[in-house]
Each structure stands twice: as C-alpha cells, then as structure tokens.
Amino acid sequence: MCLPVKKTDDITLLPTTDTNAFADLHQTRDDVVSEVMKAPERRINNVITNLHDCVNLLLMHAVVLEESRKKYEALKWRFRLQIGSTMVAGLGIAGLTSYFAVLPLPYTSGFVAATMASCGGMVWFSNSQLKEYAKSLNSPEGLSSAFQRTHMNEIRNADEYTTNVWQRVRDHLRVGLESFGLDNVPAISKKELDHMNLILESEVPRLRRLASPTHFGSKKSE
C-alpha cells in the first residue's frame, strides 16, 4: 500500500489513519478469537444447565405423579378393606350359624348368597368411584392441587422457576396419565427421589466448578 507523503503545505492523509485502522482490526480479531476460545466452555455450561433443567423437570414430574398415585391407592385400599371386611363378616356369621345349627341350612345358604351379592355390588360401586376419582386427580384442577401440596414452600415464596417448570410439566403429565392410568403407575421410591435431589444439590454444582475453575477457585496445579 502506498501512503501519501506529508508535505509542508498540503496534508491529504496522515499515515496514522491506516495505523489506527489496523489497530482496530487487530483488536477485533483478538476479540473474535477470544470468543471462539470460550466456545467449548460455553458448550459445557449449556450441557450442565440442560442437565439441571431436565432433572428438575423429571423430579417435579415424579413428585406430583407419586402424590396423585398415593391418593388413588389410598381410596382403592379403603374400598378393598370395606369389601374384605363385609365378606369376612358375612361368611364368618354364616359359618357360625351353620356350625352351631342356629339357622336351617337354606337360610344359611341364602345368607352367604346375600353376602356375596353385597360384595359384588360393592366391587362395582368401588370401581366406578375409582374411575371418577382418577379422572378428578388427572384433571387440571386435580393436578394443580397435587402440585400445591408437594411444592407448598416454593409457591409461598413465589418461586418463578418452580412455576415455570410446572407449566412445562403439567400438560405432559396429564397426557401420560390419560394414556397409562393411575392403576398402571408404579410407585416411586424415596431412593429414586433422593438420587435426583443429589444430582441437583451436589453433582450439578460440582460440574459447574469443574467447568469454570477460574470463577469458583484456582486451577489445580498439574
């Protein structure tokens, strides 16, 4: 490149103009290189953030689902206890009357038949009630109630992240329950929930420290 020569009475273009331009260009290049060098760290941080987000989604899904399942199982076992108690009491009374010959055999047989018919009616009634209760638990209102019971502290503290996660989980949870039904949902153990909490409370912070050692502490000497 030919640069104009400085004259005593005519200054058309100073050499420092191109010098400043090249300095700006080199600075821009350095900035771009710096950003490119930070890309791997950004990708790692994005992966860790995605892990944190996915575990939160899975944990809320599991906690709310388990709350609904427990409510459903409690009613189901209450109905079973009532039916079992009625059958045991009816057959027990029939057996005692037959053993001690308190009533003639036809009456005893009729009492047994009545007991079985009553239990059959109770089974039909309990199944219909359970279906209605499952629909109620799987409704938007029922799922919202389960969420409010399981995340009472977060709601009280107006935790926006928890609310955002619930909005993302709610529809998927409802569709899943409609497909499989609460009868087919396996119990979620405390160990499984503790494992997910461990990832959020221990593993994710540890991964962030490893990914950003200059921020969380000095690098280990090699």
Protein backbone atom coordinates (compact mmCIF):
# COMPACT_ATOMS: atom_id res chain seq x y z
CA MET A 1 0.00 0.00 0.00
CA CYS A 2 1.30 3.43 -0.95
CA LEU A 3 0.94 6.03 1.71
CA PRO A 4 0.82 9.76 0.89
CA VAL A 5 3.84 11.72 1.95
CA LYS A 6 3.41 14.53 4.36
CA LYS A 7 4.12 17.90 2.74
CA THR A 8 4.66 21.22 4.35
CA ASP A 9 1.62 22.96 2.95
CA ASP A 10 -0.62 20.06 1.80
CA ILE A 11 -1.69 17.24 4.15
CA THR A 12 -4.02 14.92 2.26
CA LEU A 13 -3.94 11.84 4.51
CA LEU A 14 -1.90 11.08 7.58
CA PRO A 15 -0.16 7.73 7.91
CA THR A 16 -1.61 7.36 11.43
CA THR A 17 -5.07 6.87 9.89
CA ASP A 18 -4.17 3.46 8.47
CA THR A 19 -2.27 2.62 11.63
CA ASN A 20 -5.37 3.19 13.75
CA ALA A 21 -7.49 1.17 11.33
CA PHE A 22 -5.09 -1.77 11.54
CA ALA A 23 -5.06 -1.49 15.32
CA ASP A 24 -8.85 -1.66 15.38
CA LEU A 25 -8.77 -4.62 13.03
CA HIS A 26 -6.29 -6.48 15.19
CA GLN A 27 -8.35 -5.73 18.30
CA THR A 28 -11.49 -7.03 16.58
CA ARG A 29 -9.63 -10.15 15.51
CA ASP A 30 -8.41 -10.72 19.07
CA ASP A 31 -11.94 -10.29 20.39
CA VAL A 32 -13.27 -12.86 17.90
CA VAL A 33 -10.51 -15.33 18.75
CA SER A 34 -11.22 -14.84 22.44
CA GLU A 35 -14.90 -15.56 21.94
CA VAL A 36 -14.11 -18.63 19.84
CA MET A 37 -11.79 -19.94 22.54
CA LYS A 38 -14.60 -19.54 25.07
CA ALA A 39 -16.99 -21.64 22.94
CA PRO A 40 -16.06 -25.03 24.48
CA GLU A 41 -16.61 -23.66 27.98
CA ARG A 42 -19.96 -22.22 26.90
CA ARG A 43 -20.98 -25.58 25.44
CA ILE A 44 -20.07 -27.34 28.67
CA ASN A 45 -22.04 -24.80 30.70
CA ASN A 46 -25.00 -25.25 28.36
CA VAL A 47 -24.85 -29.02 28.84
CA ILE A 48 -24.75 -28.63 32.63
CA THR A 49 -27.64 -26.17 32.54
CA ASN A 50 -29.59 -28.59 30.37
CA LEU A 51 -28.88 -31.38 32.85
CA HIS A 52 -30.08 -29.21 35.73
CA ASP A 53 -33.24 -28.32 33.83
CA CYS A 54 -34.00 -31.92 32.80
CA VAL A 55 -33.54 -33.26 36.33
CA ASN A 56 -35.83 -30.56 37.71
CA LEU A 57 -38.48 -31.49 35.15
CA LEU A 58 -38.14 -35.20 35.93
CA LEU A 59 -38.17 -34.60 39.69
CA MET A 60 -41.32 -32.48 39.61
CA HIS A 61 -42.97 -34.98 37.28
CA ALA A 62 -42.12 -37.81 39.68
CA VAL A 63 -43.15 -35.96 42.86
CA VAL A 64 -46.53 -34.80 41.56
CA LEU A 65 -47.21 -38.19 39.95
CA GLU A 66 -46.41 -40.00 43.18
CA GLU A 67 -48.71 -37.67 45.12
CA SER A 68 -51.60 -38.45 42.76
CA ARG A 69 -50.84 -42.17 42.83
CA LYS A 70 -50.83 -42.23 46.65
CA LYS A 71 -54.21 -40.51 46.78
CA TYR A 72 -55.64 -43.01 44.32
CA GLU A 73 -54.11 -46.01 46.10
CA ALA A 74 -55.42 -44.82 49.47
CA LEU A 75 -59.01 -44.77 48.19
CA LYS A 76 -58.57 -48.10 46.40
CA TRP A 77 -57.31 -49.84 49.50
CA ARG A 78 -60.08 -48.29 51.61
CA PHE A 79 -62.66 -49.81 49.27
CA ARG A 80 -60.83 -53.15 49.34
CA LEU A 81 -60.81 -53.10 53.13
CA GLN A 82 -64.55 -52.44 53.21
CA ILE A 83 -65.27 -55.24 50.73
CA GLY A 84 -62.97 -57.66 52.53
CA SER A 85 -64.48 -56.82 55.93
CA THR A 86 -68.00 -57.34 54.61
CA MET A 87 -67.10 -60.69 53.06
CA VAL A 88 -65.27 -61.93 56.14
CA ALA A 89 -68.05 -60.83 58.46
CA GLY A 90 -70.79 -62.33 56.28
CA LEU A 91 -69.07 -65.65 55.71
CA GLY A 92 -68.00 -65.78 59.36
CA ILE A 93 -71.56 -65.32 60.57
CA ALA A 94 -72.81 -67.91 58.06
CA GLY A 95 -70.15 -70.36 59.20
CA LEU A 96 -71.01 -69.89 62.87
CA THR A 97 -74.75 -70.30 62.31
CA SER A 98 -74.11 -73.43 60.28
CA TYR A 99 -71.71 -74.87 62.86
CA PHE A 100 -74.00 -74.27 65.82
CA ALA A 101 -77.13 -75.06 63.80
CA VAL A 102 -78.67 -71.73 64.74
CA LEU A 103 -80.46 -71.44 61.39
CA PRO A 104 -81.57 -74.05 58.90
CA LEU A 105 -79.16 -74.76 56.07
CA PRO A 106 -81.30 -72.99 53.38
CA TYR A 107 -81.23 -69.78 55.44
CA THR A 108 -77.51 -70.06 55.91
CA SER A 109 -77.02 -70.57 52.17
CA GLY A 110 -79.22 -67.57 51.48
CA PHE A 111 -77.19 -65.50 53.88
CA VAL A 112 -73.98 -66.49 52.08
CA ALA A 113 -75.53 -65.64 48.71
CA ALA A 114 -76.65 -62.26 50.05
CA THR A 115 -73.17 -61.60 51.37
CA MET A 116 -71.59 -62.41 48.00
CA ALA A 117 -74.16 -60.28 46.18
CA SER A 118 -73.42 -57.38 48.53
CA CYS A 119 -69.70 -57.74 47.94
CA GLY A 120 -70.28 -57.84 44.20
CA GLY A 121 -72.29 -54.65 44.42
CA MET A 122 -69.57 -53.03 46.50
CA VAL A 123 -66.93 -54.03 43.92
CA TRP A 124 -68.97 -52.44 41.12
CA PHE A 125 -69.53 -49.29 43.18
CA SER A 126 -65.86 -49.03 44.17
CA ASN A 127 -64.68 -49.46 40.56
CA SER A 128 -67.00 -46.72 39.34
CA GLN A 129 -65.91 -44.43 42.16
CA LEU A 130 -62.25 -45.11 41.45
CA LYS A 131 -62.71 -44.24 37.78
CA GLU A 132 -64.33 -40.94 38.70
CA TYR A 133 -61.66 -40.23 41.29
CA ALA A 134 -58.90 -40.97 38.77
CA LYS A 135 -60.48 -38.51 36.34
CA SER A 136 -60.64 -35.93 39.11
CA LEU A 137 -56.98 -36.44 40.02
CA ASN A 138 -55.96 -36.21 36.37
CA SER A 139 -57.94 -33.05 35.68
CA PRO A 140 -56.12 -29.70 35.53
CA GLU A 141 -57.60 -28.82 38.91
CA GLY A 142 -56.58 -32.15 40.45
CA LEU A 143 -53.01 -31.92 39.18
CA SER A 144 -52.76 -28.30 40.34
CA SER A 145 -53.90 -29.38 43.82
CA ALA A 146 -51.24 -32.10 43.87
CA PHE A 147 -48.61 -29.56 42.79
CA GLN A 148 -49.70 -27.15 45.52
CA ARG A 149 -49.44 -29.89 48.17
CA THR A 150 -45.98 -31.03 47.07
CA HIS A 151 -44.46 -27.58 46.42
CA MET A 152 -46.09 -25.52 49.14
CA ASN A 153 -42.89 -23.74 50.19
CA GLU A 154 -41.93 -22.75 46.64
CA ILE A 155 -45.42 -21.39 46.00
CA ARG A 156 -45.35 -19.46 49.27
CA ASN A 157 -42.01 -17.93 48.28
CA ALA A 158 -43.29 -17.11 44.77
CA ASP A 159 -40.52 -19.14 43.12
CA GLU A 160 -40.81 -18.25 39.43
CA TYR A 161 -38.54 -21.07 38.27
CA THR A 162 -40.72 -23.69 40.00
CA THR A 163 -43.82 -22.16 38.44
CA ASN A 164 -42.17 -22.23 35.02
CA VAL A 165 -41.16 -25.88 35.42
CA TRP A 166 -44.70 -26.79 36.48
CA GLN A 167 -46.17 -25.12 33.40
CA ARG A 168 -43.89 -27.27 31.25
CA VAL A 169 -44.64 -30.49 33.18
CA ARG A 170 -48.40 -30.17 33.66
CA ASP A 171 -49.69 -30.99 30.19
CA HIS A 172 -47.21 -33.84 29.62
CA LEU A 173 -48.15 -35.35 32.99
CA ARG A 174 -51.87 -35.17 32.22
CA VAL A 175 -51.44 -36.78 28.80
CA GLY A 176 -49.29 -39.53 30.29
CA LEU A 177 -51.85 -40.33 32.98
CA GLU A 178 -54.64 -40.41 30.42
CA SER A 179 -52.63 -42.93 28.39
CA PHE A 180 -51.48 -45.27 31.17
CA GLY A 181 -53.92 -44.67 34.02
CA LEU A 182 -53.12 -44.40 37.71
CA ASP A 183 -53.66 -48.16 38.13
CA ASN A 184 -50.59 -48.83 35.99
CA VAL A 185 -48.29 -46.24 37.57
CA PRO A 186 -45.53 -47.89 39.63
CA ALA A 187 -44.55 -46.50 42.99
CA ILE A 188 -41.59 -44.12 43.03
CA SER A 189 -39.19 -44.95 45.82
CA LYS A 190 -37.62 -42.43 48.17
CA LYS A 191 -34.21 -43.63 46.98
CA GLU A 192 -35.00 -42.56 43.42
CA LEU A 193 -36.15 -39.12 44.56
CA ASP A 194 -33.08 -38.75 46.77
CA HIS A 195 -30.86 -39.62 43.82
CA MET A 196 -32.38 -36.84 41.71
CA ASN A 197 -32.05 -34.37 44.58
CA LEU A 198 -28.41 -35.40 44.95
CA ILE A 199 -27.76 -34.55 41.31
CA LEU A 200 -29.29 -31.09 41.77
CA GLU A 201 -27.72 -30.29 45.11
CA SER A 202 -24.28 -31.87 44.71
CA GLU A 203 -23.41 -33.09 41.23
CA VAL A 204 -24.51 -30.04 39.24
CA PRO A 205 -22.59 -27.55 41.42
CA ARG A 206 -19.53 -29.82 41.28
CA LEU A 207 -19.72 -29.94 37.47
CA ARG A 208 -20.00 -26.16 37.33
CA ARG A 209 -16.90 -25.80 39.47
CA LEU A 210 -15.01 -28.16 37.20
CA ALA A 211 -16.21 -26.33 34.09
CA SER A 212 -15.35 -22.87 35.42
CA PRO A 213 -12.39 -23.29 37.80
CA THR A 214 -11.26 -19.68 37.43
CA HIS A 215 -14.62 -18.49 38.68
CA PHE A 216 -15.13 -20.92 41.52
CA GLY A 217 -11.49 -21.25 42.56
CA SER A 218 -8.00 -21.62 41.29
CA LYS A 219 -6.98 -24.45 38.96
CA LYS A 220 -5.21 -27.41 40.37
CA SER A 221 -1.53 -27.41 39.79
CA GLU A 222 -0.51 -30.03 37.26
